[in-house]
Structure formats: C-alpha cells, structure tokens
C-alpha cells in the first residue's frame, strides 16, 4: 500500500497530486494507492511522525517499510517505488 500524506494548503502536495494519480493508475495491479489528508487526520499523521509534506509511505503486510518526504517527478517516484517494492518478500 502506498500512501501520499498531504494537506489542502500545501502547494507541492497539490502539484504532486496528478503524478500520484497517474502512477496509481499505471501500477494499480501492483499496489493499493491511498491519500491521507494530514489536516483532517492529525492523529494519524502524528502517529507516523509526519514532519513535512508531501510524505510518501510504503506499507507491506501492515508494516511501514519505506518513507520519503518531498514531491518527486513521475519517473523518480516510479523508480523509488519499484526499488522499495523489490526489497519485499
């Protein structure tokens, strides 16, 4: 599961949103993609110690296995995901 932690007032988050959606559509058979509004879900954001947004989190079998802060270009986002997912199992 890939989670995009964002907020409605965050410019980089809004700029990254179409990239996240594109990659989610292209990789829909490989992972579940979700968005977490850190404003509306402050307790969850605090639980995962989200200090800057956007933050991308990768979960596997219910456990956080990778995390990265910052908006990435599409190619780098896909590269990061594929690299992290290749470490699983």
Protein backbone atom coordinates (compact mmCIF):
# COMPACT_ATOMS: atom_id res chain seq x y z
CA UNK A 1 0.00 0.00 0.00
CA UNK A 2 1.35 3.40 -0.99
CA UNK A 3 0.15 6.41 0.99
CA UNK A 4 0.53 10.05 -0.04
CA UNK A 5 0.39 12.26 3.07
CA UNK A 6 -0.69 15.73 2.02
CA UNK A 7 -2.67 18.83 3.05
CA UNK A 8 -5.02 21.06 1.05
CA UNK A 9 -2.91 24.19 1.73
CA UNK A 10 0.38 22.57 0.59
CA UNK A 11 1.49 23.77 -2.86
CA UNK A 12 3.98 20.94 -3.50
CA UNK A 13 1.30 18.43 -2.43
CA UNK A 14 -1.17 19.84 -4.93
CA UNK A 15 1.48 19.84 -7.67
CA UNK A 16 2.36 16.20 -6.90
CA UNK A 17 -1.29 15.00 -6.84
CA UNK A 18 -1.60 14.40 -10.62
CA UNK A 19 1.69 12.45 -10.61
CA UNK A 20 0.48 10.29 -7.73
CA UNK A 21 -2.81 9.65 -9.57
CA UNK A 22 -1.03 8.72 -12.81
CA UNK A 23 1.33 6.28 -11.10
CA UNK A 24 -1.57 4.84 -9.08
CA UNK A 25 -3.46 4.13 -12.30
CA UNK A 26 -0.42 2.63 -14.02
CA UNK A 27 0.55 0.43 -11.05
CA UNK A 28 -2.94 -0.45 -9.82
CA UNK A 29 -2.24 -4.18 -10.11
CA UNK A 30 0.95 -3.90 -8.04
CA UNK A 31 -0.19 -1.86 -5.04
CA UNK A 32 -3.08 -0.05 -3.41
CA UNK A 33 -2.70 3.74 -3.53
CA UNK A 34 -4.27 5.98 -0.87
CA UNK A 35 -4.13 9.63 0.08
CA UNK A 36 -4.05 10.82 3.69
CA UNK A 37 -5.13 14.41 4.37
CA UNK A 38 -2.90 15.29 7.32
CA UNK A 39 -5.15 18.21 8.28
CA UNK A 40 -8.23 16.01 8.60
CA UNK A 41 -6.25 13.12 10.16
CA UNK A 42 -3.83 14.84 12.53
CA UNK A 43 -3.63 11.91 14.96
CA UNK A 44 -2.63 9.51 12.19
CA UNK A 45 -0.06 11.99 10.88
CA UNK A 46 1.36 12.33 14.40
CA UNK A 47 1.42 8.55 14.88
CA UNK A 48 3.65 8.19 11.80
CA UNK A 49 5.66 11.30 12.74
CA UNK A 50 4.91 13.16 9.51
CA UNK A 51 7.05 16.29 9.81
CA UNK A 52 6.92 17.55 6.24
CA UNK A 53 4.54 17.07 3.37
CA UNK A 54 4.16 15.58 0.96
CA UNK A 55 5.44 12.38 2.53
CA UNK A 56 5.17 9.04 0.77
CA UNK A 57 4.86 5.87 2.83
CA UNK A 58 5.01 2.27 1.66
CA UNK A 59 3.36 -0.42 3.77
CA UNK A 60 3.74 -4.16 3.35
CA UNK A 61 1.73 -6.66 5.35
CA UNK A 62 0.55 -3.86 7.63
CA UNK A 63 4.03 -2.54 8.44
CA UNK A 64 5.69 0.67 7.32
CA UNK A 65 8.67 -0.44 5.20
CA UNK A 66 9.71 2.79 3.47
CA UNK A 67 9.08 6.50 3.79
CA UNK A 68 10.21 9.53 1.80
CA UNK A 69 9.47 13.22 2.18
CA UNK A 70 9.11 15.51 -0.80
CA UNK A 71 7.35 15.65 -4.14
CA UNK A 72 9.07 13.64 -6.83
CA UNK A 73 8.88 13.80 -10.61
CA UNK A 74 6.93 10.86 -12.04
CA UNK A 75 9.98 8.87 -13.15
CA UNK A 76 11.70 9.24 -9.76
CA UNK A 77 8.52 8.30 -7.90
CA UNK A 78 8.17 5.13 -10.00
CA UNK A 79 11.86 4.33 -9.55
CA UNK A 80 11.63 4.77 -5.76
CA UNK A 81 8.52 2.58 -5.61
CA UNK A 82 9.97 -0.19 -7.75
CA UNK A 83 13.24 -0.21 -5.79
CA UNK A 84 11.47 -0.38 -2.43
CA UNK A 85 8.97 -2.98 -3.65
CA UNK A 86 11.79 -5.16 -4.99
CA UNK A 87 13.11 -5.48 -1.41
CA UNK A 88 9.87 -7.08 -0.22
CA UNK A 89 9.35 -10.82 0.28
